[in-house]
Amino acid sequence: MSQTINLPEDPPSRSKGNGECVRFDMHLHSCYSSDSSIPVKTIARCYRRTGILPLICDHNSLIGSERVYDVLCRNDSDLPRILAEEIMTSDGEIIGLFLQEHITPYQSAEETLDAIREQGALSIVPHPFCSYRRSALRHDVMERIIDRLDIIEGFNSRVLDDRENNLARGYAARRKKPVSAGSDAHTSLELGRTYVSIEPFSDPKGLMKVLPDASVHYNHTHPAIHSVTRLVKAGRKLGILRSP
């Protein structure tokens, strides 16, 4: 189902760079996604170097998120442990964050949201208007379940046409949903490109409270990076590249 969205004027992206704020990349992948090549140790090093907290959203897997936070929390016990995964539903992808357990993929969007809520977790719709990806949540389904969704991804570095990010932000504004921002990194070159700068939080309720006032640091990723992702995925299937 296609939709035509009339957008309000779009504000520019901003970055606070304030030491009192948390920098949070709300969508990236580790090598536990079949199409990502980023080792857990590389993500941990990036956090120590930049202070950008990673939300690991591996495809249909919680393992990478668990492994990254095992490393991060070993050195900083005060960090919120934010486990997440990008779950493929029968209607398209939904991210669950603050999960306690893996959620079975390929259920309906409604069943997936039920499972997320049962864990006291939050939901994000990733790249909702991205025409390049067949995995995006169907627009008619998103409209049907909008009252149950928590966050709309408004800045995704891998979206090929930034007008589609604009559509996502316009939709979120009309539906009164906060927006997230993520690099959607699948390679080490993409780390640290996009994040929100927000007040500290420790749980889902805290994040929902501070996210509407977030500042955004956003950089678009070159479209050629999708070719690298396809090569990683093919290499894994052929056994040329080892899975973790």
Protein backbone atom coordinates (compact mmCIF):
# COMPACT_ATOMS: atom_id res chain seq x y z
CA MET A 1 0.00 0.00 0.00
CA SER A 2 1.43 3.37 -0.98
CA GLN A 3 0.82 6.60 0.89
CA THR A 4 1.34 10.22 -0.03
CA ILE A 5 2.51 12.31 2.93
CA ASN A 6 2.36 16.11 3.05
CA LEU A 7 5.26 17.17 5.26
CA PRO A 8 5.56 20.18 7.53
CA GLU A 9 8.80 22.14 7.20
CA ASP A 10 11.60 19.88 8.42
CA PRO A 11 13.96 21.23 11.12
CA PRO A 12 17.73 20.80 10.64
CA SER A 13 19.64 18.08 12.46
CA ARG A 14 21.52 19.23 15.55
CA SER A 15 24.13 17.90 17.96
CA LYS A 16 24.47 19.08 21.54
CA GLY A 17 27.92 17.73 22.21
CA ASN A 18 27.10 18.19 25.91
CA GLY A 19 29.04 16.08 28.39
CA GLU A 20 25.93 15.68 30.54
CA CYS A 21 24.08 13.94 27.72
CA VAL A 22 24.15 10.34 26.56
CA ARG A 23 25.07 9.72 22.93
CA PHE A 24 22.98 6.81 21.68
CA ASP A 25 23.12 5.15 18.24
CA MET A 26 19.70 3.53 18.22
CA HIS A 27 20.25 1.05 15.38
CA LEU A 28 23.38 -0.90 14.45
CA HIS A 29 24.39 -4.50 13.82
CA SER A 30 27.11 -6.84 15.01
CA CYS A 31 28.62 -9.85 13.25
CA TYR A 32 25.76 -11.89 14.71
CA SER A 33 23.62 -10.48 11.89
CA SER A 34 24.13 -12.54 8.74
CA ASP A 35 24.82 -9.40 6.70
CA SER A 36 27.10 -7.55 9.16
CA SER A 37 30.86 -7.82 9.60
CA ILE A 38 31.37 -5.77 12.79
CA PRO A 39 33.05 -7.74 15.61
CA VAL A 40 31.79 -7.30 19.16
CA LYS A 41 35.23 -6.04 20.25
CA THR A 42 35.15 -3.34 17.56
CA ILE A 43 31.80 -2.04 18.82
CA ALA A 44 33.12 -2.01 22.39
CA ARG A 45 36.25 -0.11 21.31
CA CYS A 46 34.10 2.42 19.46
CA TYR A 47 32.07 3.04 22.61
CA ARG A 48 35.19 3.55 24.70
CA ARG A 49 36.63 5.94 22.10
CA THR A 50 33.50 7.99 21.29
CA GLY A 51 31.13 7.46 24.22
CA ILE A 52 28.35 6.54 21.76
CA LEU A 53 26.15 3.91 23.39
CA PRO A 54 25.21 1.20 20.84
CA LEU A 55 21.78 -0.35 20.42
CA ILE A 56 22.60 -3.69 18.76
CA CYS A 57 19.63 -4.69 16.58
CA ASP A 58 20.77 -7.92 14.97
CA HIS A 59 18.37 -9.66 12.64
CA ASN A 60 16.23 -12.17 14.55
CA SER A 61 18.92 -12.64 17.19
CA LEU A 62 19.65 -11.32 20.67
CA ILE A 63 23.10 -12.92 20.87
CA GLY A 64 25.14 -10.01 19.51
CA SER A 65 23.36 -7.57 21.80
CA GLU A 66 24.05 -9.81 24.80
CA ARG A 67 27.72 -10.23 23.88
CA VAL A 68 28.29 -6.49 23.37
CA TYR A 69 26.69 -5.54 26.68
CA ASP A 70 28.55 -8.31 28.49
CA VAL A 71 31.75 -6.53 27.42
CA LEU A 72 30.52 -2.99 28.05
CA CYS A 73 29.02 -3.67 31.48
CA ARG A 74 32.15 -5.54 32.59
CA ASN A 75 33.99 -2.21 32.55
CA ASP A 76 31.06 0.06 33.44
CA SER A 77 28.48 -1.52 35.74
CA ASP A 78 26.35 1.65 35.71
CA LEU A 79 25.51 1.33 32.01
CA PRO A 80 21.87 0.50 31.23
CA ARG A 81 21.79 -2.99 29.68
CA ILE A 82 19.69 -2.38 26.58
CA LEU A 83 19.23 -5.64 24.69
CA ALA A 84 17.52 -5.43 21.31
CA GLU A 85 16.86 -7.22 18.04
CA GLU A 86 15.40 -6.38 14.66
CA ILE A 87 12.56 -8.86 14.36
CA MET A 88 11.19 -9.91 11.01
CA THR A 89 7.42 -10.22 11.27
CA SER A 90 5.10 -11.50 8.56
CA ASP A 91 4.38 -7.82 7.85
CA GLY A 92 7.91 -6.36 7.95
CA GLU A 93 10.55 -5.49 10.55
CA ILE A 94 10.04 -4.18 14.08
CA ILE A 95 12.82 -3.52 16.60
CA GLY A 96 12.33 -4.53 20.21
CA LEU A 97 14.53 -2.77 22.79
CA PHE A 98 14.98 -3.44 26.50
CA LEU A 99 14.24 -7.09 25.75
CA GLN A 100 14.84 -9.88 28.24
CA GLU A 101 14.49 -12.79 25.81
CA HIS A 102 14.69 -13.52 22.09
CA ILE A 103 11.40 -13.05 20.23
CA THR A 104 10.37 -15.64 17.64
CA PRO A 105 10.41 -14.11 14.13
CA TYR A 106 7.80 -14.36 11.36
CA GLN A 107 4.81 -13.83 13.61
CA SER A 108 2.32 -11.11 12.72
CA ALA A 109 3.16 -7.53 13.69
CA GLU A 110 0.45 -7.67 16.37
CA GLU A 111 1.81 -10.88 17.87
CA THR A 112 5.32 -9.46 17.84
CA LEU A 113 4.17 -6.32 19.65
CA ASP A 114 2.40 -8.53 22.20
CA ALA A 115 5.67 -10.36 22.84
CA ILE A 116 7.59 -7.07 23.17
CA ARG A 117 5.06 -5.65 25.64
CA GLU A 118 5.03 -8.86 27.69
CA GLN A 119 8.73 -8.20 28.41
CA GLY A 120 8.10 -4.59 29.41
CA ALA A 121 10.08 -3.53 26.35
CA LEU A 122 9.67 -0.84 23.67
CA SER A 123 9.14 -1.01 19.91
CA ILE A 124 10.74 0.93 17.06
CA VAL A 125 9.66 0.88 13.43
CA PRO A 126 12.96 0.94 11.47
CA HIS A 127 13.29 2.72 8.09
CA PRO A 128 9.47 2.82 7.65
CA PHE A 129 9.38 4.59 4.27
CA CYS A 130 12.52 3.08 2.74
CA SER A 131 11.62 1.95 -0.78
CA TYR A 132 14.94 0.11 -1.23
CA ARG A 133 14.22 -2.52 1.41
CA ARG A 134 11.47 -5.08 1.05
CA SER A 135 11.78 -5.74 4.77
CA ALA A 136 10.22 -2.40 5.80
CA LEU A 137 6.99 -2.67 7.77
CA ARG A 138 3.97 -2.48 5.46
CA HIS A 139 2.35 0.96 5.57
CA ASP A 140 -1.19 -0.35 6.01
CA VAL A 141 -0.03 -2.48 8.95
CA MET A 142 1.84 0.45 10.53
CA GLU A 143 -1.31 2.55 10.28
CA ARG A 144 -3.36 -0.25 11.85
CA ILE A 145 -1.06 -0.67 14.85
CA ILE A 146 0.20 2.91 15.23
CA ASP A 147 -1.37 3.36 18.68
CA ARG A 148 0.65 0.39 19.95
CA LEU A 149 4.00 1.49 18.51
CA ASP A 150 6.39 3.45 20.70
CA ILE A 151 9.00 5.03 18.40
CA ILE A 152 9.42 5.75 14.67
CA GLU A 153 12.93 5.75 13.22
CA GLY A 154 13.28 9.20 11.67
CA PHE A 155 16.99 9.19 10.79
CA ASN A 156 18.56 6.09 9.23
CA SER A 157 21.98 6.59 7.64
CA ARG A 158 21.47 3.76 5.15
CA VAL A 159 18.22 5.05 3.65
CA LEU A 160 19.19 5.88 0.07
CA ASP A 161 16.90 8.88 -0.37
CA ASP A 162 16.73 11.30 2.55
CA ARG A 163 13.24 12.30 1.44
CA GLU A 164 12.17 8.93 2.83
CA ASN A 165 13.66 9.84 6.21
CA ASN A 166 11.70 13.08 5.96
CA LEU A 167 8.53 11.09 5.34
CA ALA A 168 9.18 9.07 8.48
CA ARG A 169 9.65 12.18 10.61
CA GLY A 170 6.56 13.81 9.17
CA TYR A 171 4.51 10.71 9.87
CA ALA A 172 5.83 10.50 13.43
CA ALA A 173 5.01 14.17 14.06
CA ARG A 174 1.42 13.73 12.92
CA ARG A 175 1.01 10.58 15.00
CA LYS A 176 2.72 12.22 17.99
CA LYS A 177 5.45 9.59 18.21
CA PRO A 178 9.07 10.30 19.19
CA VAL A 179 11.72 9.60 16.58
CA SER A 180 14.95 7.64 16.86
CA ALA A 181 18.19 7.96 14.89
CA GLY A 182 20.61 5.21 13.95
CA SER A 183 23.57 4.53 11.69
CA ASP A 184 22.17 1.07 10.82
CA ALA A 185 25.86 0.19 10.63
CA HIS A 186 26.77 -3.20 9.17
CA THR A 187 30.48 -2.38 8.69
CA SER A 188 33.05 -0.79 10.98
CA LEU A 189 33.34 2.21 8.63
CA GLU A 190 29.79 3.26 9.54
CA LEU A 191 30.17 3.35 13.31
CA GLY A 192 29.56 6.67 15.04
CA ARG A 193 27.93 8.37 12.06
CA THR A 194 24.48 8.94 13.55
CA TYR A 195 23.18 9.17 17.09
CA VAL A 196 20.83 11.02 19.40
CA SER A 197 22.11 13.13 22.28
CA ILE A 198 19.77 12.83 25.26
CA GLU A 199 19.61 13.10 29.02
CA PRO A 200 20.69 9.97 30.92
CA PHE A 201 18.11 7.20 31.28
CA SER A 202 18.06 3.70 32.74
CA ASP A 203 14.83 2.02 31.66
CA PRO A 204 12.08 2.13 29.01
CA LYS A 205 10.05 4.74 30.85
CA GLY A 206 13.11 6.96 31.24
CA LEU A 207 14.00 6.70 27.54
CA MET A 208 10.47 7.61 26.45
CA LYS A 209 10.59 10.63 28.75
CA VAL A 210 13.83 12.09 27.34
CA LEU A 211 13.69 11.00 23.69
CA PRO A 212 11.27 13.73 22.51
CA ASP A 213 13.85 16.37 23.53
CA ALA A 214 16.80 14.62 21.87
CA SER A 215 19.26 16.39 19.61
CA VAL A 216 20.32 14.47 16.50
CA HIS A 217 23.76 14.11 14.91
CA TYR A 218 23.12 12.66 11.45
CA ASN A 219 25.34 11.64 8.52
CA HIS A 220 24.14 9.91 5.38
CA THR A 221 26.07 6.77 4.36
CA HIS A 222 27.22 6.35 0.75
CA PRO A 223 24.84 4.03 -1.14
CA ALA A 224 27.75 1.77 -2.19
CA ILE A 225 27.85 0.38 1.35
CA HIS A 226 24.85 -1.80 0.50
CA SER A 227 27.06 -3.70 -1.95
CA VAL A 228 29.44 -4.54 0.90
CA THR A 229 26.51 -5.89 2.90
CA ARG A 230 25.43 -8.12 0.03
CA LEU A 231 29.00 -9.45 -0.30
CA VAL A 232 29.16 -10.26 3.43
CA LYS A 233 25.85 -12.12 3.25
CA ALA A 234 26.91 -14.07 0.15
CA GLY A 235 30.28 -14.88 1.69
CA ARG A 236 28.60 -16.32 4.77
CA LYS A 237 26.28 -18.48 2.66
CA LEU A 238 29.19 -19.79 0.58
CA GLY A 239 31.36 -20.41 3.62
CA ILE A 240 34.01 -17.94 2.44
CA LEU A 241 33.39 -15.79 5.51
CA ARG A 242 33.08 -17.50 8.87
CA SER A 243 30.08 -16.87 11.08
CA PRO A 244 30.87 -16.03 14.73
